[in-house]
Amino acid sequence: MESVTVENYLKAIYQLSDASGGAPTGELARRLKITPGSVTLMLQRLAKAGLVKYAAHQGVRLTKKGQRAAIRVVRNHRLLELYLTNTLGLPWDEVHEEAENLEHAVSDRLVARIDEYLGYPARDPHGDPIPETSGEMRAGEGTPLAECAAKTPFVLLRVPDRSPDFLRYLRDGGLVVGAQAAVLENQPSAGVVTVGVGQRQVSLSREMAASILVRPL
């Protein structure tokens, strides 16, 4: 099995896993843009390699071996994103795709040097936690912006959505990780959340606002 393909599968399973640790194969096929039949064949091969536990119509879950491999790729990806942003000045709406290409090629030694150079950061440019060297995932935090009432000031902590257009829209409105802002209006019936950032206003659908995590002040 090609290592890049294996790592992409393991990372996608890890990211799609729910509280019980399982990931639906249909969602996996959509995430990887591969036919369900091809996904089934690959999962059978990963199961034989001891990386996943898979049974037809029951989803897939990572074994401890598979989880270690998946977290390693996630760690590579998030450190590379931060390195590209902090060192090369790439905007946060461009680093995801670049990190996708690089995450499989970097050695553990280089990743360790990047981690040291950046001062052992806890989060990437989008606010996602960077796994520890041991493979332990740092705890996430934050309240969905959609749950904040009007007049609530907050600090933006995390934007899990990786759509470049969405990230660019937030950046242009001043809504980046660490930014202080306030909810101006939260209208569930209209499905709109309006945020004030300095003199600017940013309107978001409740779906978009639900994917943004903040710390109310």
N, C-alpha and C. Protein backbone atom coordinates (compact mmCIF):
# COMPACT_ATOMS: atom_id res chain seq x y z
N MET A 1 0.83 -1.20 0.00
CA MET A 1 0.00 0.00 0.00
C MET A 1 0.87 1.25 0.00
N GLU A 2 0.51 2.21 -0.83
CA GLU A 2 1.25 3.47 -0.87
C GLU A 2 1.06 4.21 0.44
N SER A 3 2.17 4.65 1.05
CA SER A 3 2.10 5.26 2.38
C SER A 3 1.24 6.52 2.39
N VAL A 4 1.30 7.32 1.33
CA VAL A 4 0.52 8.56 1.29
C VAL A 4 -0.97 8.24 1.33
N THR A 5 -1.39 7.24 0.56
CA THR A 5 -2.80 6.84 0.54
C THR A 5 -3.24 6.34 1.90
N VAL A 6 -2.41 5.52 2.51
CA VAL A 6 -2.72 4.99 3.84
C VAL A 6 -2.86 6.12 4.85
N GLU A 7 -1.93 7.05 4.84
CA GLU A 7 -1.98 8.17 5.79
C GLU A 7 -3.21 9.04 5.57
N ASN A 8 -3.59 9.24 4.31
CA ASN A 8 -4.79 10.03 4.03
C ASN A 8 -6.04 9.35 4.57
N TYR A 9 -6.11 8.05 4.41
CA TYR A 9 -7.25 7.29 4.96
C TYR A 9 -7.28 7.39 6.47
N LEU A 10 -6.15 7.14 7.11
CA LEU A 10 -6.11 7.14 8.57
C LEU A 10 -6.45 8.51 9.13
N LYS A 11 -5.94 9.55 8.51
CA LYS A 11 -6.25 10.91 8.98
C LYS A 11 -7.73 11.21 8.82
N ALA A 12 -8.30 10.83 7.67
CA ALA A 12 -9.72 11.09 7.44
C ALA A 12 -10.59 10.32 8.43
N ILE A 13 -10.24 9.08 8.72
CA ILE A 13 -10.99 8.29 9.70
C ILE A 13 -10.92 8.95 11.06
N TYR A 14 -9.73 9.41 11.43
CA TYR A 14 -9.54 10.07 12.72
C TYR A 14 -10.41 11.32 12.81
N GLN A 15 -10.43 12.11 11.77
CA GLN A 15 -11.16 13.37 11.78
C GLN A 15 -12.68 13.16 11.74
N LEU A 16 -13.11 12.05 11.18
CA LEU A 16 -14.54 11.77 11.07
C LEU A 16 -15.08 10.95 12.24
N SER A 17 -14.19 10.47 13.09
CA SER A 17 -14.63 9.60 14.19
C SER A 17 -15.50 10.37 15.17
N ASP A 18 -16.56 9.73 15.62
CA ASP A 18 -17.46 10.35 16.59
C ASP A 18 -17.02 10.03 18.01
N ALA A 19 -17.87 10.32 18.98
CA ALA A 19 -17.51 10.12 20.39
C ALA A 19 -17.21 8.65 20.70
N SER A 20 -17.82 7.73 19.95
CA SER A 20 -17.58 6.30 20.19
C SER A 20 -16.32 5.80 19.49
N GLY A 21 -15.71 6.68 18.70
CA GLY A 21 -14.47 6.30 18.02
C GLY A 21 -14.67 5.76 16.62
N GLY A 22 -15.92 5.67 16.15
CA GLY A 22 -16.18 5.12 14.84
C GLY A 22 -16.42 6.19 13.80
N ALA A 23 -16.21 5.82 12.52
CA ALA A 23 -16.44 6.74 11.40
C ALA A 23 -17.29 6.03 10.36
N PRO A 24 -18.35 6.67 9.86
CA PRO A 24 -19.18 6.05 8.81
C PRO A 24 -18.43 5.99 7.49
N THR A 25 -18.52 4.84 6.82
CA THR A 25 -17.78 4.67 5.57
C THR A 25 -18.30 5.57 4.46
N GLY A 26 -19.60 5.88 4.49
CA GLY A 26 -20.14 6.78 3.47
C GLY A 26 -19.52 8.16 3.56
N GLU A 27 -19.39 8.67 4.80
CA GLU A 27 -18.75 9.97 5.00
C GLU A 27 -17.29 9.92 4.59
N LEU A 28 -16.65 8.79 4.84
CA LEU A 28 -15.24 8.63 4.46
C LEU A 28 -15.09 8.71 2.95
N ALA A 29 -15.99 8.05 2.23
CA ALA A 29 -15.94 8.10 0.76
C ALA A 29 -16.13 9.51 0.25
N ARG A 30 -17.07 10.25 0.87
CA ARG A 30 -17.29 11.64 0.44
C ARG A 30 -16.09 12.52 0.77
N ARG A 31 -15.51 12.32 1.94
CA ARG A 31 -14.35 13.13 2.35
C ARG A 31 -13.17 12.93 1.40
N LEU A 32 -12.94 11.68 1.02
CA LEU A 32 -11.79 11.36 0.17
C LEU A 32 -12.12 11.44 -1.32
N LYS A 33 -13.42 11.65 -1.64
CA LYS A 33 -13.87 11.74 -3.03
C LYS A 33 -13.52 10.47 -3.80
N ILE A 34 -13.86 9.33 -3.16
CA ILE A 34 -13.59 8.01 -3.72
C ILE A 34 -14.88 7.21 -3.66
N THR A 35 -15.06 6.29 -4.59
CA THR A 35 -16.28 5.49 -4.61
C THR A 35 -16.36 4.60 -3.37
N PRO A 36 -17.57 4.31 -2.88
CA PRO A 36 -17.72 3.44 -1.71
C PRO A 36 -17.07 2.08 -1.90
N GLY A 37 -17.13 1.54 -3.11
CA GLY A 37 -16.51 0.25 -3.36
C GLY A 37 -15.00 0.28 -3.16
N SER A 38 -14.36 1.35 -3.62
CA SER A 38 -12.91 1.49 -3.45
C SER A 38 -12.55 1.66 -1.98
N VAL A 39 -13.40 2.39 -1.25
CA VAL A 39 -13.16 2.58 0.18
C VAL A 39 -13.24 1.25 0.91
N THR A 40 -14.23 0.43 0.57
CA THR A 40 -14.38 -0.87 1.21
C THR A 40 -13.14 -1.74 1.01
N LEU A 41 -12.65 -1.77 -0.22
CA LEU A 41 -11.45 -2.57 -0.51
C LEU A 41 -10.25 -2.08 0.29
N MET A 42 -10.09 -0.77 0.38
CA MET A 42 -8.96 -0.22 1.11
C MET A 42 -9.09 -0.50 2.60
N LEU A 43 -10.29 -0.39 3.15
CA LEU A 43 -10.48 -0.64 4.58
C LEU A 43 -10.18 -2.10 4.92
N GLN A 44 -10.50 -2.99 4.01
CA GLN A 44 -10.17 -4.40 4.24
C GLN A 44 -8.66 -4.61 4.30
N ARG A 45 -7.95 -3.89 3.44
CA ARG A 45 -6.48 -3.98 3.44
C ARG A 45 -5.90 -3.35 4.71
N LEU A 46 -6.48 -2.22 5.14
CA LEU A 46 -6.00 -1.58 6.37
C LEU A 46 -6.28 -2.46 7.59
N ALA A 47 -7.40 -3.17 7.56
CA ALA A 47 -7.73 -4.08 8.67
C ALA A 47 -6.71 -5.21 8.75
N LYS A 48 -6.33 -5.76 7.60
CA LYS A 48 -5.33 -6.83 7.58
C LYS A 48 -3.98 -6.35 8.10
N ALA A 49 -3.72 -5.05 7.90
CA ALA A 49 -2.44 -4.48 8.37
C ALA A 49 -2.51 -4.09 9.84
N GLY A 50 -3.66 -4.28 10.47
CA GLY A 50 -3.80 -3.97 11.89
C GLY A 50 -3.97 -2.50 12.19
N LEU A 51 -4.39 -1.71 11.19
CA LEU A 51 -4.52 -0.26 11.38
C LEU A 51 -5.95 0.16 11.71
N VAL A 52 -6.92 -0.64 11.31
CA VAL A 52 -8.32 -0.33 11.59
C VAL A 52 -9.08 -1.60 11.96
N LYS A 53 -10.24 -1.38 12.55
CA LYS A 53 -11.21 -2.45 12.75
C LYS A 53 -12.41 -2.12 11.88
N TYR A 54 -12.72 -3.04 10.99
CA TYR A 54 -13.77 -2.75 10.01
C TYR A 54 -14.70 -3.94 9.84
N ALA A 55 -15.99 -3.65 9.80
CA ALA A 55 -17.00 -4.65 9.48
C ALA A 55 -18.05 -3.99 8.61
N ALA A 56 -18.51 -4.69 7.59
CA ALA A 56 -19.49 -4.14 6.65
C ALA A 56 -20.72 -3.62 7.38
N HIS A 57 -21.16 -2.43 6.99
CA HIS A 57 -22.36 -1.77 7.53
C HIS A 57 -22.22 -1.36 9.00
N GLN A 58 -21.01 -1.40 9.53
CA GLN A 58 -20.80 -1.02 10.93
C GLN A 58 -19.78 0.10 11.08
N GLY A 59 -19.36 0.68 9.98
CA GLY A 59 -18.37 1.76 10.07
C GLY A 59 -16.98 1.22 10.30
N VAL A 60 -16.06 2.14 10.58
CA VAL A 60 -14.66 1.77 10.78
C VAL A 60 -14.10 2.55 11.95
N ARG A 61 -13.20 1.92 12.69
CA ARG A 61 -12.54 2.62 13.78
C ARG A 61 -11.05 2.29 13.74
N LEU A 62 -10.25 3.23 14.21
CA LEU A 62 -8.79 3.04 14.23
C LEU A 62 -8.38 2.13 15.38
N THR A 63 -7.39 1.30 15.14
CA THR A 63 -6.74 0.59 16.23
C THR A 63 -5.77 1.55 16.89
N LYS A 64 -5.15 1.13 17.97
CA LYS A 64 -4.16 2.00 18.62
C LYS A 64 -3.01 2.31 17.66
N LYS A 65 -2.61 1.31 16.89
CA LYS A 65 -1.55 1.51 15.90
C LYS A 65 -1.99 2.51 14.84
N GLY A 66 -3.22 2.38 14.36
CA GLY A 66 -3.73 3.29 13.36
C GLY A 66 -3.90 4.70 13.88
N GLN A 67 -4.33 4.81 15.14
CA GLN A 67 -4.52 6.14 15.74
C GLN A 67 -3.19 6.86 15.89
N ARG A 68 -2.15 6.13 16.29
CA ARG A 68 -0.82 6.76 16.41
C ARG A 68 -0.37 7.31 15.06
N ALA A 69 -0.58 6.52 14.02
CA ALA A 69 -0.17 6.96 12.68
C ALA A 69 -0.98 8.17 12.22
N ALA A 70 -2.29 8.17 12.52
CA ALA A 70 -3.15 9.27 12.11
C ALA A 70 -2.76 10.56 12.83
N ILE A 71 -2.53 10.47 14.13
CA ILE A 71 -2.19 11.67 14.91
C ILE A 71 -0.84 12.23 14.47
N ARG A 72 0.06 11.35 14.07
CA ARG A 72 1.36 11.82 13.57
C ARG A 72 1.17 12.71 12.35
N VAL A 73 0.28 12.30 11.43
CA VAL A 73 0.03 13.10 10.23
C VAL A 73 -0.66 14.42 10.60
N VAL A 74 -1.61 14.36 11.52
CA VAL A 74 -2.30 15.57 11.97
C VAL A 74 -1.29 16.54 12.59
N ARG A 75 -0.38 16.02 13.40
CA ARG A 75 0.65 16.86 14.02
C ARG A 75 1.53 17.51 12.94
N ASN A 76 1.96 16.71 11.97
CA ASN A 76 2.77 17.26 10.87
C ASN A 76 2.02 18.39 10.18
N HIS A 77 0.76 18.13 9.86
CA HIS A 77 -0.04 19.09 9.11
C HIS A 77 -0.18 20.41 9.85
N ARG A 78 -0.53 20.35 11.10
CA ARG A 78 -0.82 21.58 11.85
C ARG A 78 0.45 22.37 12.15
N LEU A 79 1.55 21.69 12.40
CA LEU A 79 2.81 22.41 12.60
C LEU A 79 3.27 23.05 11.29
N LEU A 80 3.08 22.37 10.18
CA LEU A 80 3.45 22.94 8.89
C LEU A 80 2.60 24.16 8.56
N GLU A 81 1.32 24.10 8.87
CA GLU A 81 0.46 25.27 8.64
C GLU A 81 0.97 26.48 9.41
N LEU A 82 1.31 26.25 10.68
CA LEU A 82 1.78 27.36 11.50
C LEU A 82 3.13 27.88 11.01
N TYR A 83 3.99 26.97 10.60
CA TYR A 83 5.31 27.37 10.08
C TYR A 83 5.15 28.21 8.81
N LEU A 84 4.28 27.77 7.91
CA LEU A 84 4.07 28.50 6.66
C LEU A 84 3.47 29.88 6.91
N THR A 85 2.62 29.97 7.93
CA THR A 85 2.01 31.25 8.25
C THR A 85 2.99 32.19 8.95
N ASN A 86 3.64 31.68 9.99
CA ASN A 86 4.52 32.53 10.80
C ASN A 86 5.83 32.89 10.11
N THR A 87 6.38 31.94 9.36
CA THR A 87 7.71 32.13 8.78
C THR A 87 7.66 32.69 7.36
N LEU A 88 6.76 32.17 6.55
CA LEU A 88 6.68 32.58 5.15
C LEU A 88 5.57 33.58 4.88
N GLY A 89 4.73 33.81 5.87
CA GLY A 89 3.69 34.82 5.72
C GLY A 89 2.51 34.41 4.87
N LEU A 90 2.32 33.11 4.64
CA LEU A 90 1.16 32.67 3.87
C LEU A 90 -0.10 32.90 4.67
N PRO A 91 -1.16 33.42 4.06
CA PRO A 91 -2.42 33.65 4.78
C PRO A 91 -3.08 32.34 5.15
N TRP A 92 -3.92 32.38 6.18
CA TRP A 92 -4.50 31.14 6.71
C TRP A 92 -5.46 30.45 5.75
N ASP A 93 -5.89 31.14 4.69
CA ASP A 93 -6.76 30.49 3.71
C ASP A 93 -5.97 29.75 2.64
N GLU A 94 -4.64 29.83 2.69
CA GLU A 94 -3.81 29.16 1.68
C GLU A 94 -2.96 28.02 2.24
N VAL A 95 -2.75 28.01 3.56
CA VAL A 95 -1.78 27.06 4.11
C VAL A 95 -2.29 25.63 4.16
N HIS A 96 -3.60 25.43 4.20
CA HIS A 96 -4.13 24.06 4.34
C HIS A 96 -3.70 23.18 3.16
N GLU A 97 -3.90 23.67 1.96
CA GLU A 97 -3.55 22.88 0.78
C GLU A 97 -2.05 22.61 0.70
N GLU A 98 -1.24 23.61 1.03
CA GLU A 98 0.21 23.42 1.01
C GLU A 98 0.63 22.38 2.05
N ALA A 99 0.04 22.45 3.24
CA ALA A 99 0.38 21.48 4.28
C ALA A 99 -0.07 20.08 3.90
N GLU A 100 -1.19 19.97 3.18
CA GLU A 100 -1.65 18.66 2.70
C GLU A 100 -0.58 18.00 1.84
N ASN A 101 0.10 18.79 1.03
CA ASN A 101 1.13 18.25 0.14
C ASN A 101 2.41 17.90 0.88
N LEU A 102 2.72 18.64 1.93
CA LEU A 102 3.99 18.47 2.63
C LEU A 102 3.94 17.47 3.80
N GLU A 103 2.75 17.25 4.35
CA GLU A 103 2.64 16.48 5.60
C GLU A 103 3.18 15.06 5.50
N HIS A 104 3.18 14.49 4.29
CA HIS A 104 3.63 13.11 4.12
C HIS A 104 5.14 13.02 3.86
N ALA A 105 5.73 14.16 3.50
CA ALA A 105 7.12 14.13 3.06
C ALA A 105 8.11 14.47 4.16
N VAL A 106 7.67 15.19 5.19
CA VAL A 106 8.61 15.64 6.23
C VAL A 106 8.97 14.49 7.17
N SER A 107 10.21 14.51 7.62
CA SER A 107 10.66 13.50 8.58
C SER A 107 10.28 13.91 9.99
N ASP A 108 10.29 12.95 10.90
CA ASP A 108 10.00 13.26 12.30
C ASP A 108 11.05 14.23 12.86
N ARG A 109 12.27 14.09 12.39
CA ARG A 109 13.34 14.98 12.86
C ARG A 109 13.07 16.41 12.45
N LEU A 110 12.65 16.61 11.20
CA LEU A 110 12.37 17.97 10.73
C LEU A 110 11.16 18.55 11.46
N VAL A 111 10.15 17.75 11.68
CA VAL A 111 8.97 18.23 12.39
C VAL A 111 9.35 18.64 13.81
N ALA A 112 10.23 17.87 14.45
CA ALA A 112 10.68 18.22 15.80
C ALA A 112 11.42 19.56 15.80
N ARG A 113 12.21 19.82 14.76
CA ARG A 113 12.94 21.09 14.67
C ARG A 113 11.97 22.25 14.43
N ILE A 114 10.95 22.01 13.61
CA ILE A 114 9.94 23.05 13.37
C ILE A 114 9.20 23.36 14.67
N ASP A 115 8.85 22.32 15.41
CA ASP A 115 8.16 22.49 16.68
C ASP A 115 9.01 23.33 17.64
N GLU A 116 10.30 23.01 17.71
CA GLU A 116 11.22 23.76 18.59
C GLU A 116 11.35 25.21 18.12
N TYR A 117 11.50 25.39 16.81
CA TYR A 117 11.67 26.73 16.24
C TYR A 117 10.47 27.61 16.53
N LEU A 118 9.29 27.03 16.51
CA LEU A 118 8.06 27.79 16.75
C LEU A 118 7.75 27.97 18.24
N GLY A 119 8.58 27.38 19.10
CA GLY A 119 8.38 27.53 20.53
C GLY A 119 7.36 26.58 21.11
N TYR A 120 7.26 25.38 20.51
CA TYR A 120 6.34 24.33 20.98
C TYR A 120 4.91 24.86 21.10
N PRO A 121 4.34 25.31 19.98
CA PRO A 121 3.00 25.92 20.00
C PRO A 121 1.91 24.91 20.34
N ALA A 122 0.82 25.43 20.87
CA ALA A 122 -0.32 24.58 21.24
C ALA A 122 -1.35 24.49 20.13
N ARG A 123 -1.40 25.51 19.22
CA ARG A 123 -2.46 25.55 18.22
C ARG A 123 -1.93 26.04 16.87
N ASP A 124 -2.62 25.61 15.82
CA ASP A 124 -2.24 26.02 14.47
C ASP A 124 -2.92 27.35 14.12
N PRO A 125 -2.74 27.88 12.91
CA PRO A 125 -3.31 29.20 12.58
C PRO A 125 -4.83 29.26 12.66
N HIS A 126 -5.49 28.11 12.58
CA HIS A 126 -6.95 28.07 12.63
C HIS A 126 -7.46 27.79 14.03
N GLY A 127 -6.54 27.64 14.98
CA GLY A 127 -6.93 27.38 16.35
C GLY A 127 -7.06 25.91 16.70
N ASP A 128 -6.77 25.02 15.77
CA ASP A 128 -6.85 23.59 16.05
C ASP A 128 -5.68 23.18 16.95
N PRO A 129 -5.94 22.31 17.93
CA PRO A 129 -4.85 21.88 18.82
C PRO A 129 -3.81 21.04 18.09
N ILE A 130 -2.55 21.29 18.39
CA ILE A 130 -1.46 20.52 17.81
C ILE A 130 -1.13 19.37 18.78
N PRO A 131 -1.15 18.13 18.30
CA PRO A 131 -0.85 17.01 19.20
C PRO A 131 0.54 17.13 19.83
N GLU A 132 0.65 16.59 21.03
CA GLU A 132 1.95 16.55 21.71
C GLU A 132 2.89 15.61 20.97
N THR A 133 4.20 15.70 21.28
CA THR A 133 5.17 14.79 20.69
C THR A 133 4.83 13.34 21.02
N SER A 134 4.26 13.12 22.19
CA SER A 134 3.88 11.77 22.62
C SER A 134 2.71 11.21 21.84
N GLY A 135 2.04 12.07 21.07
CA GLY A 135 0.86 11.63 20.34
C GLY A 135 -0.43 11.97 21.04
N GLU A 136 -0.34 12.50 22.25
CA GLU A 136 -1.54 12.87 22.98
C GLU A 136 -2.11 14.15 22.39
N MET A 137 -3.43 14.15 22.18
CA MET A 137 -4.09 15.32 21.62
C MET A 137 -4.46 16.29 22.73
N ARG A 138 -4.07 17.55 22.55
CA ARG A 138 -4.45 18.55 23.54
C ARG A 138 -5.96 18.74 23.54
N ALA A 139 -6.49 19.06 24.67
CA ALA A 139 -7.94 19.23 24.80
C ALA A 139 -8.41 20.44 24.00
N GLY A 140 -9.56 20.30 23.37
CA GLY A 140 -10.16 21.42 22.66
C GLY A 140 -10.96 22.27 23.63
N GLU A 141 -11.33 23.44 23.21
CA GLU A 141 -12.12 24.33 24.06
C GLU A 141 -12.88 25.29 23.18
N GLY A 142 -13.84 25.96 23.79
CA GLY A 142 -14.56 26.99 23.06
C GLY A 142 -16.06 26.76 23.03
N THR A 143 -16.78 27.85 22.82
CA THR A 143 -18.23 27.85 22.70
C THR A 143 -18.59 28.21 21.26
N PRO A 144 -19.50 27.47 20.63
CA PRO A 144 -19.90 27.83 19.26
C PRO A 144 -20.44 29.26 19.23
N LEU A 145 -20.00 30.02 18.26
CA LEU A 145 -20.43 31.41 18.14
C LEU A 145 -21.95 31.51 18.02
N ALA A 146 -22.57 30.52 17.39
CA ALA A 146 -24.01 30.54 17.20
C ALA A 146 -24.78 30.51 18.52
N GLU A 147 -24.11 30.07 19.60
CA GLU A 147 -24.78 29.98 20.90
C GLU A 147 -24.63 31.25 21.73
N CYS A 148 -23.89 32.21 21.24
CA CYS A 148 -23.65 33.44 22.00
C CYS A 148 -24.79 34.44 21.76
N ALA A 149 -25.25 35.03 22.85
CA ALA A 149 -26.34 36.01 22.76
C ALA A 149 -25.82 37.35 22.24
N ALA A 150 -26.74 38.18 21.81
CA ALA A 150 -26.38 39.53 21.35
C ALA A 150 -25.68 40.29 22.48
N LYS A 151 -24.75 41.15 22.10
CA LYS A 151 -23.95 41.99 23.00
C LYS A 151 -22.89 41.20 23.76
N THR A 152 -22.64 39.95 23.36
CA THR A 152 -21.60 39.16 24.01
C THR A 152 -20.24 39.45 23.37
N PRO A 153 -19.27 39.99 24.13
CA PRO A 153 -17.91 40.14 23.60
C PRO A 153 -17.20 38.78 23.67
N PHE A 154 -16.27 38.56 22.76
CA PHE A 154 -15.59 37.26 22.74
C PHE A 154 -14.22 37.38 22.09
N VAL A 155 -13.41 36.32 22.29
CA VAL A 155 -12.15 36.14 21.58
C VAL A 155 -12.32 34.92 20.68
N LEU A 156 -11.96 35.03 19.43
CA LEU A 156 -12.09 33.91 18.50
C LEU A 156 -10.98 32.90 18.77
N LEU A 157 -11.36 31.63 18.96
CA LEU A 157 -10.40 30.59 19.31
C LEU A 157 -10.10 29.62 18.16
N ARG A 158 -11.14 29.27 17.40
CA ARG A 158 -10.93 28.16 16.45
C ARG A 158 -11.92 28.24 15.29
N VAL A 159 -11.42 27.97 14.08
CA VAL A 159 -12.26 27.90 12.89
C VAL A 159 -11.95 26.58 12.19
N PRO A 160 -12.70 25.52 12.50
CA PRO A 160 -12.40 24.21 11.90
C PRO A 160 -12.64 24.14 10.40
N ASP A 161 -13.54 24.97 9.87
CA ASP A 161 -13.85 24.93 8.44
C ASP A 161 -12.61 25.34 7.63
N ARG A 162 -12.26 24.53 6.59
CA ARG A 162 -11.07 24.81 5.81
C ARG A 162 -11.36 25.39 4.44
N SER A 163 -12.62 25.77 4.16
CA SER A 163 -12.95 26.36 2.87
C SER A 163 -12.18 27.66 2.69
N PRO A 164 -11.33 27.75 1.65
CA PRO A 164 -10.56 28.99 1.44
C PRO A 164 -11.43 30.22 1.34
N ASP A 165 -12.58 30.11 0.65
CA ASP A 165 -13.47 31.26 0.51
C ASP A 165 -14.00 31.72 1.86
N PHE A 166 -14.37 30.77 2.71
CA PHE A 166 -14.89 31.09 4.03
C PHE A 166 -13.80 31.74 4.88
N LEU A 167 -12.60 31.17 4.87
CA LEU A 167 -11.49 31.73 5.64
C LEU A 167 -11.12 33.12 5.15
N ARG A 168 -11.17 33.31 3.84
CA ARG A 168 -10.85 34.62 3.27
C ARG A 168 -11.90 35.66 3.69
N TYR A 169 -13.14 35.22 3.71
CA TYR A 169 -14.23 36.11 4.12
C TYR A 169 -14.04 36.55 5.57
N LEU A 170 -13.69 35.61 6.44
CA LEU A 170 -13.45 35.95 7.84
C LEU A 170 -12.24 36.87 7.99
N ARG A 171 -11.17 36.54 7.26
CA ARG A 171 -9.95 37.36 7.34
C ARG A 171 -10.21 38.78 6.90
N ASP A 172 -10.94 38.93 5.80
CA ASP A 172 -11.23 40.27 5.30
C ASP A 172 -12.08 41.07 6.28
N GLY A 173 -12.87 40.36 7.10
CA GLY A 173 -13.68 41.03 8.10
C GLY A 173 -13.00 41.20 9.43
N GLY A 174 -11.74 40.74 9.53
CA GLY A 174 -10.99 40.87 10.77
C GLY A 174 -11.21 39.75 11.76
N LEU A 175 -11.95 38.71 11.36
CA LEU A 175 -12.22 37.58 12.27
C LEU A 175 -11.17 36.50 12.08
N VAL A 176 -10.05 36.65 12.76
CA VAL A 176 -8.99 35.66 12.75
C VAL A 176 -8.78 35.18 14.18
N VAL A 177 -8.05 34.07 14.33
CA VAL A 177 -7.80 33.53 15.65
C VAL A 177 -7.11 34.58 16.53
N GLY A 178 -7.66 34.79 17.72
CA GLY A 178 -7.11 35.78 18.64
C GLY A 178 -7.80 37.12 18.57
N ALA A 179 -8.61 37.33 17.55
CA ALA A 179 -9.29 38.62 17.41
C ALA A 179 -10.38 38.78 18.47
N GLN A 180 -10.52 40.01 18.98
CA GLN A 180 -11.60 40.32 19.90
C GLN A 180 -12.73 40.97 19.12
N ALA A 181 -13.94 40.50 19.38
CA ALA A 181 -15.12 41.00 18.66
C ALA A 181 -16.32 40.91 19.58
N ALA A 182 -17.49 41.20 19.05
CA ALA A 182 -18.72 41.12 19.85
C ALA A 182 -19.88 40.74 18.95
N VAL A 183 -20.81 39.97 19.51
CA VAL A 183 -22.03 39.63 18.78
C VAL A 183 -22.95 40.84 18.80
N LEU A 184 -23.32 41.33 17.64
CA LEU A 184 -24.24 42.46 17.54
C LEU A 184 -25.69 41.97 17.51
N GLU A 185 -25.93 40.92 16.72
CA GLU A 185 -27.26 40.35 16.62
C GLU A 185 -27.15 38.84 16.46
N ASN A 186 -28.08 38.12 17.09
CA ASN A 186 -28.17 36.68 16.90
C ASN A 186 -29.65 36.37 16.70
N GLN A 187 -30.01 36.11 15.46
CA GLN A 187 -31.41 35.93 15.09
C GLN A 187 -31.67 34.51 14.59
N PRO A 188 -32.00 33.59 15.50
CA PRO A 188 -32.25 32.21 15.09
C PRO A 188 -33.33 32.07 14.02
N SER A 189 -34.38 32.88 14.12
CA SER A 189 -35.47 32.77 13.15
C SER A 189 -35.02 33.16 11.75
N ALA A 190 -34.10 34.11 11.68
CA ALA A 190 -33.57 34.54 10.39
C ALA A 190 -32.36 33.73 9.97
N GLY A 191 -31.80 32.99 10.91
CA GLY A 191 -30.62 32.17 10.60
C GLY A 191 -29.37 32.98 10.38
N VAL A 192 -29.26 34.14 11.05
CA VAL A 192 -28.12 35.03 10.83
C VAL A 192 -27.52 35.48 12.16
N VAL A 193 -26.18 35.50 12.21
CA VAL A 193 -25.44 36.05 13.35
C VAL A 193 -24.57 37.18 12.81
N THR A 194 -24.70 38.37 13.40
CA THR A 194 -23.91 39.52 12.97
C THR A 194 -22.89 39.87 14.05
N VAL A 195 -21.65 40.02 13.63
CA VAL A 195 -20.54 40.25 14.55
C VAL A 195 -19.88 41.58 14.24
N GLY A 196 -19.48 42.29 15.28
CA GLY A 196 -18.73 43.53 15.10
C GLY A 196 -17.28 43.33 15.46
N VAL A 197 -16.40 43.72 14.54
CA VAL A 197 -14.94 43.64 14.76
C VAL A 197 -14.40 45.04 14.53
N GLY A 198 -14.14 45.78 15.60
CA GLY A 198 -13.75 47.17 15.43
C GLY A 198 -14.87 47.94 14.78
N GLN A 199 -14.59 48.58 13.65
CA GLN A 199 -15.60 49.35 12.93
C GLN A 199 -16.29 48.51 11.85
N ARG A 200 -15.91 47.24 11.73
CA ARG A 200 -16.48 46.39 10.68
C ARG A 200 -17.56 45.48 11.23
N GLN A 201 -18.46 45.08 10.34
CA GLN A 201 -19.49 44.12 10.68
C GLN A 201 -19.39 42.92 9.75
N VAL A 202 -19.55 41.74 10.32
CA VAL A 202 -19.48 40.50 9.55
C VAL A 202 -20.76 39.72 9.79
N SER A 203 -21.47 39.38 8.73
CA SER A 203 -22.70 38.60 8.84
C SER A 203 -22.41 37.14 8.49
N LEU A 204 -22.91 36.24 9.32
CA LEU A 204 -22.67 34.81 9.15
C LEU A 204 -23.99 34.06 9.25
N SER A 205 -24.11 33.00 8.47
CA SER A 205 -25.25 32.11 8.68
C SER A 205 -25.04 31.39 10.01
N ARG A 206 -26.13 30.91 10.61
CA ARG A 206 -25.99 30.19 11.87
C ARG A 206 -25.16 28.91 11.69
N GLU A 207 -25.25 28.32 10.50
CA GLU A 207 -24.43 27.13 10.22
C GLU A 207 -22.95 27.48 10.26
N MET A 208 -22.60 28.60 9.63
CA MET A 208 -21.21 29.05 9.66
C MET A 208 -20.79 29.42 11.07
N ALA A 209 -21.66 30.12 11.79
CA ALA A 209 -21.35 30.55 13.15
C ALA A 209 -21.19 29.36 14.09
N ALA A 210 -21.91 28.28 13.81
CA ALA A 210 -21.82 27.10 14.67
C ALA A 210 -20.46 26.42 14.56
N SER A 211 -19.75 26.64 13.44
CA SER A 211 -18.44 26.01 13.26
C SER A 211 -17.30 26.83 13.83
N ILE A 212 -17.61 28.04 14.30
CA ILE A 212 -16.59 28.92 14.88
C ILE A 212 -16.65 28.83 16.40
N LEU A 213 -15.51 28.55 17.02
CA LEU A 213 -15.46 28.44 18.47
C LEU A 213 -14.83 29.69 19.08
N VAL A 214 -15.45 30.19 20.14
CA VAL A 214 -15.00 31.43 20.77
C VAL A 214 -14.94 31.26 22.28
N ARG A 215 -14.31 32.23 22.93
CA ARG A 215 -14.33 32.33 24.40
C ARG A 215 -15.05 33.61 24.78
N PRO A 216 -16.28 33.51 25.27
CA PRO A 216 -17.00 34.72 25.68
C PRO A 216 -16.23 35.45 26.78
N LEU A 217 -16.25 36.77 26.76
CA LEU A 217 -15.54 37.57 27.75
C LEU A 217 -16.51 38.14 28.77
